Amino acid sequence: MYKWLRNRLSHKFENLSRKKIKSFLKKNGLAFVVIVVGWEIIEDVVFPIVFGFLGNYIHPAFYAGIPASLILCFHWLAIPVLWGLWLRLRGRRDSAELLSDACCDPMENEE
């Protein structure tokens, strides 16, 4: 039980390590790091507090959501959805187009 709990906690904190954040920042930019860290905070802090309040004021069955929100991991669903929403809200072009613009400026070759 102790090893399992330690493994789960190390997995949670692995996403917040300096090395992993730097690699995300280098590859995807600051917005992606904010989304990942923000989701970690929501998943590990906000959800248990919400389930605690719901269990206290609505129905005690909501108390079961506190450990469930700490054990279950929804990064596989939440991060792509939030990233897609960010790209849609930002209204920028496709990343392939941005890459081609960065390396091949048509105005640069005019004489």
Protein backbone atom coordinates (compact mmCIF):
# COMPACT_ATOMS: atom_id res chain seq x y z
CA MET A 1 0.00 0.00 0.00
CA TYR A 2 2.83 2.38 0.90
CA LYS A 3 4.69 1.72 -2.36
CA TRP A 4 1.52 2.23 -4.39
CA LEU A 5 0.76 5.54 -2.64
CA ARG A 6 4.35 6.70 -3.07
CA ASN A 7 4.22 5.76 -6.76
CA ARG A 8 0.96 7.70 -7.28
CA LEU A 9 2.31 10.78 -5.52
CA SER A 10 5.59 10.69 -7.42
CA HIS A 11 3.60 10.47 -10.67
CA LYS A 12 1.59 13.55 -9.66
CA PHE A 13 4.70 15.55 -8.78
CA GLU A 14 6.66 14.29 -11.80
CA ASN A 15 4.51 16.49 -14.03
CA LEU A 16 5.55 19.50 -11.96
CA SER A 17 9.30 18.84 -12.03
CA ARG A 18 11.54 21.58 -13.36
CA LYS A 19 13.00 19.37 -16.08
CA LYS A 20 9.58 18.36 -17.43
CA ILE A 21 8.24 21.93 -17.34
CA LYS A 22 11.33 23.17 -19.23
CA SER A 23 10.92 20.52 -21.92
CA PHE A 24 7.22 21.39 -22.31
CA LEU A 25 8.05 25.09 -22.44
CA LYS A 26 10.70 24.55 -25.08
CA LYS A 27 8.47 22.35 -27.22
CA ASN A 28 5.00 23.91 -26.85
CA GLY A 29 5.35 27.31 -25.30
CA LEU A 30 4.24 28.92 -22.10
CA ALA A 31 0.52 28.42 -22.74
CA PHE A 32 0.89 24.64 -22.67
CA VAL A 33 2.83 24.74 -19.40
CA VAL A 34 0.13 26.96 -17.84
CA ILE A 35 -2.55 24.50 -18.97
CA VAL A 36 -0.70 21.47 -17.55
CA VAL A 37 0.16 23.10 -14.22
CA GLY A 38 -3.31 24.63 -13.97
CA TRP A 39 -4.94 21.25 -14.54
CA GLU A 40 -2.70 19.69 -11.86
CA ILE A 41 -3.84 22.35 -9.40
CA ILE A 42 -7.50 21.86 -10.33
CA GLU A 43 -7.23 18.08 -10.11
CA ASP A 44 -5.27 17.92 -6.85
CA VAL A 45 -6.64 20.93 -4.95
CA VAL A 46 -9.91 22.26 -6.34
CA PHE A 47 -11.73 18.96 -6.97
CA PRO A 48 -11.18 17.61 -3.42
CA ILE A 49 -12.34 20.93 -1.93
CA VAL A 50 -15.46 20.96 -4.12
CA PHE A 51 -16.28 17.37 -3.20
CA GLY A 52 -15.74 18.22 0.48
CA PHE A 53 -18.19 21.12 0.30
CA LEU A 54 -20.70 19.03 -1.65
CA GLY A 55 -20.39 16.25 0.94
CA ASN A 56 -20.84 18.70 3.76
CA TYR A 57 -23.77 20.72 2.40
CA ILE A 58 -25.52 18.53 -0.22
CA HIS A 59 -25.14 14.81 0.53
CA PRO A 60 -22.49 12.76 2.36
CA ALA A 61 -22.08 10.51 -0.70
CA PHE A 62 -20.01 13.29 -2.30
CA TYR A 63 -17.25 12.61 0.25
CA ALA A 64 -16.37 9.58 -1.88
CA GLY A 65 -15.24 11.99 -4.58
CA ILE A 66 -12.35 13.30 -2.48
CA PRO A 67 -10.13 10.20 -2.69
CA ALA A 68 -11.43 9.43 -6.18
CA SER A 69 -10.29 12.83 -7.45
CA LEU A 70 -6.84 12.26 -5.96
CA ILE A 71 -6.47 8.72 -7.33
CA LEU A 72 -7.98 9.07 -10.79
CA CYS A 73 -5.96 10.83 -13.45
CA PHE A 74 -7.71 12.65 -16.29
CA HIS A 75 -4.70 14.24 -18.03
CA TRP A 76 -5.31 12.09 -21.10
CA LEU A 77 -8.67 13.80 -21.56
CA ALA A 78 -8.36 17.24 -19.99
CA ILE A 79 -5.04 18.43 -21.43
CA PRO A 80 -5.95 17.83 -25.11
CA VAL A 81 -9.40 19.36 -24.60
CA LEU A 82 -8.01 22.45 -22.86
CA TRP A 83 -5.20 22.77 -25.42
CA GLY A 84 -7.72 22.55 -28.27
CA LEU A 85 -9.89 25.19 -26.60
CA TRP A 86 -6.86 27.43 -26.20
CA LEU A 87 -5.93 27.08 -29.87
CA ARG A 88 -9.52 27.79 -30.93
CA LEU A 89 -9.85 30.82 -28.63
CA ARG A 90 -6.49 32.17 -29.66
CA GLY A 91 -7.49 32.04 -33.32
CA ARG A 92 -4.03 31.40 -34.70
CA ARG A 93 -3.20 29.37 -37.73
CA ASP A 94 -2.08 25.76 -37.84
CA SER A 95 1.32 25.04 -36.27
CA ALA A 96 2.62 23.65 -39.61
CA GLU A 97 1.80 26.98 -41.26
CA LEU A 98 3.54 28.85 -38.47
CA LEU A 99 6.61 26.67 -38.90
CA SER A 100 6.71 27.19 -42.66
CA ASP A 101 6.35 30.96 -42.17
CA ALA A 102 9.19 30.99 -39.68
CA CYS A 103 11.66 29.28 -42.01
CA CYS A 104 10.59 30.50 -45.43
CA ASP A 105 9.63 34.14 -45.69
CA PRO A 106 8.51 34.87 -49.29
CA MET A 107 9.43 38.57 -48.98
CA GLU A 108 13.00 37.60 -48.11
CA ASN A 109 13.76 36.18 -51.60
CA GLU A 110 12.52 39.17 -53.61
CA GLU A 111 15.17 41.22 -55.35
